[in-house]
């Protein structure tokens, strides 16, 4: 099964959705053979996530580890 999250430019919402689902399914991802991607309808090759998105995801990961 393949899951793709799509937004406008693939630098914020879809990237977050992809990472959150991968994190949630991390233990079972290989067993279930689910492929998870993100994309943007106006994305340009080489564009990465916005820096504030990267920081927010790091902060969320740290909070989850402490909980």
C-alpha atoms as a PDB file:
ATOM      1  CA  UNK A   1       0.000   0.000   0.000  1.00  0.00           C
ATOM      2  CA  UNK A   2       1.177   3.510  -0.762  1.00  0.00           C
ATOM      3  CA  UNK A   3       0.047   6.647   1.066  1.00  0.00           C
ATOM      4  CA  UNK A   4       0.861  10.105  -0.245  1.00  0.00           C
ATOM      5  CA  UNK A   5       0.132  13.417   1.465  1.00  0.00           C
ATOM      6  CA  UNK A   6      -0.221  16.287  -0.992  1.00  0.00           C
ATOM      7  CA  UNK A   7      -0.267  20.025  -0.378  1.00  0.00           C
ATOM      8  CA  UNK A   8       0.767  23.095  -2.336  1.00  0.00           C
ATOM      9  CA  UNK A   9       4.548  23.156  -2.051  1.00  0.00           C
ATOM     10  CA  UNK A  10       5.575  20.184   0.134  1.00  0.00           C
ATOM     11  CA  UNK A  11       7.473  22.319   2.623  1.00  0.00           C
ATOM     12  CA  UNK A  12       5.079  22.265   5.581  1.00  0.00           C
ATOM     13  CA  UNK A  13       1.761  20.394   5.929  1.00  0.00           C
ATOM     14  CA  UNK A  14       2.412  17.319   3.815  1.00  0.00           C
ATOM     15  CA  UNK A  15       5.927  16.935   5.217  1.00  0.00           C
ATOM     16  CA  UNK A  16       4.564  17.000   8.768  1.00  0.00           C
ATOM     17  CA  UNK A  17       1.825  14.491   7.923  1.00  0.00           C
ATOM     18  CA  UNK A  18       4.342  12.140   6.297  1.00  0.00           C
ATOM     19  CA  UNK A  19       6.738  12.261   9.252  1.00  0.00           C
ATOM     20  CA  UNK A  20       3.992  11.877  11.860  1.00  0.00           C
ATOM     21  CA  UNK A  21       2.508   8.812  10.172  1.00  0.00           C
ATOM     22  CA  UNK A  22       5.933   7.250   9.661  1.00  0.00           C
ATOM     23  CA  UNK A  23       6.722   7.833  13.330  1.00  0.00           C
ATOM     24  CA  UNK A  24       3.374   6.382  14.399  1.00  0.00           C
ATOM     25  CA  UNK A  25       3.822   3.264  12.257  1.00  0.00           C
ATOM     26  CA  UNK A  26       7.601   2.972  12.684  1.00  0.00           C
ATOM     27  CA  UNK A  27       7.554  -0.400  14.401  1.00  0.00           C
ATOM     28  CA  UNK A  28       5.167  -1.993  11.885  1.00  0.00           C
ATOM     29  CA  UNK A  29       6.157  -0.156   8.707  1.00  0.00           C
ATOM     30  CA  UNK A  30       8.266  -2.934   7.203  1.00  0.00           C
ATOM     31  CA  UNK A  31       5.833  -5.659   8.208  1.00  0.00           C
ATOM     32  CA  UNK A  32       2.849  -3.934   6.622  1.00  0.00           C
ATOM     33  CA  UNK A  33       4.785  -2.923   3.492  1.00  0.00           C
ATOM     34  CA  UNK A  34       3.278   0.569   3.609  1.00  0.00           C
ATOM     35  CA  UNK A  35       5.140   3.260   1.677  1.00  0.00           C
ATOM     36  CA  UNK A  36       4.544   6.832   2.858  1.00  0.00           C
ATOM     37  CA  UNK A  37       5.423   9.928   0.842  1.00  0.00           C
ATOM     38  CA  UNK A  38       4.680  13.632   0.665  1.00  0.00           C
ATOM     39  CA  UNK A  39       4.446  15.848  -2.393  1.00  0.00           C
ATOM     40  CA  UNK A  40       3.391  19.301  -3.498  1.00  0.00           C
ATOM     41  CA  UNK A  41       1.500  20.304  -6.599  1.00  0.00           C
ATOM     42  CA  UNK A  42       3.768  23.325  -7.048  1.00  0.00           C
ATOM     43  CA  UNK A  43       6.895  21.872  -5.414  1.00  0.00           C
ATOM     44  CA  UNK A  44      10.278  22.310  -7.038  1.00  0.00           C
ATOM     45  CA  UNK A  45      12.962  19.634  -7.035  1.00  0.00           C
ATOM     46  CA  UNK A  46      15.394  20.104  -4.205  1.00  0.00           C
ATOM     47  CA  UNK A  47      13.086  22.146  -1.986  1.00  0.00           C
ATOM     48  CA  UNK A  48      13.195  20.884   1.565  1.00  0.00           C
ATOM     49  CA  UNK A  49      10.901  21.570   4.491  1.00  0.00           C
ATOM     50  CA  UNK A  50      10.838  25.050   5.984  1.00  0.00           C
ATOM     51  CA  UNK A  51      13.246  25.497   8.896  1.00  0.00           C
ATOM     52  CA  UNK A  52      10.435  26.224  11.355  1.00  0.00           C
ATOM     53  CA  UNK A  53       8.822  22.906  10.358  1.00  0.00           C
ATOM     54  CA  UNK A  54      12.062  21.042  11.048  1.00  0.00           C
ATOM     55  CA  UNK A  55      12.350  22.726  14.454  1.00  0.00           C
ATOM     56  CA  UNK A  56       8.700  22.024  15.307  1.00  0.00           C
ATOM     57  CA  UNK A  57       9.115  18.345  14.459  1.00  0.00           C
ATOM     58  CA  UNK A  58      12.247  18.101  16.612  1.00  0.00           C
ATOM     59  CA  UNK A  59      10.411  19.727  19.505  1.00  0.00           C
ATOM     60  CA  UNK A  60       7.448  17.388  19.085  1.00  0.00           C
ATOM     61  CA  UNK A  61       9.724  14.331  18.983  1.00  0.00           C
ATOM     62  CA  UNK A  62      11.448  15.468  22.193  1.00  0.00           C
ATOM     63  CA  UNK A  63       8.108  15.985  23.946  1.00  0.00           C
ATOM     64  CA  UNK A  64       6.929  12.524  22.890  1.00  0.00           C
ATOM     65  CA  UNK A  65      10.105  10.903  24.230  1.00  0.00           C
ATOM     66  CA  UNK A  66       9.615  12.558  27.639  1.00  0.00           C
ATOM     67  CA  UNK A  67       5.953  11.555  27.907  1.00  0.00           C
END
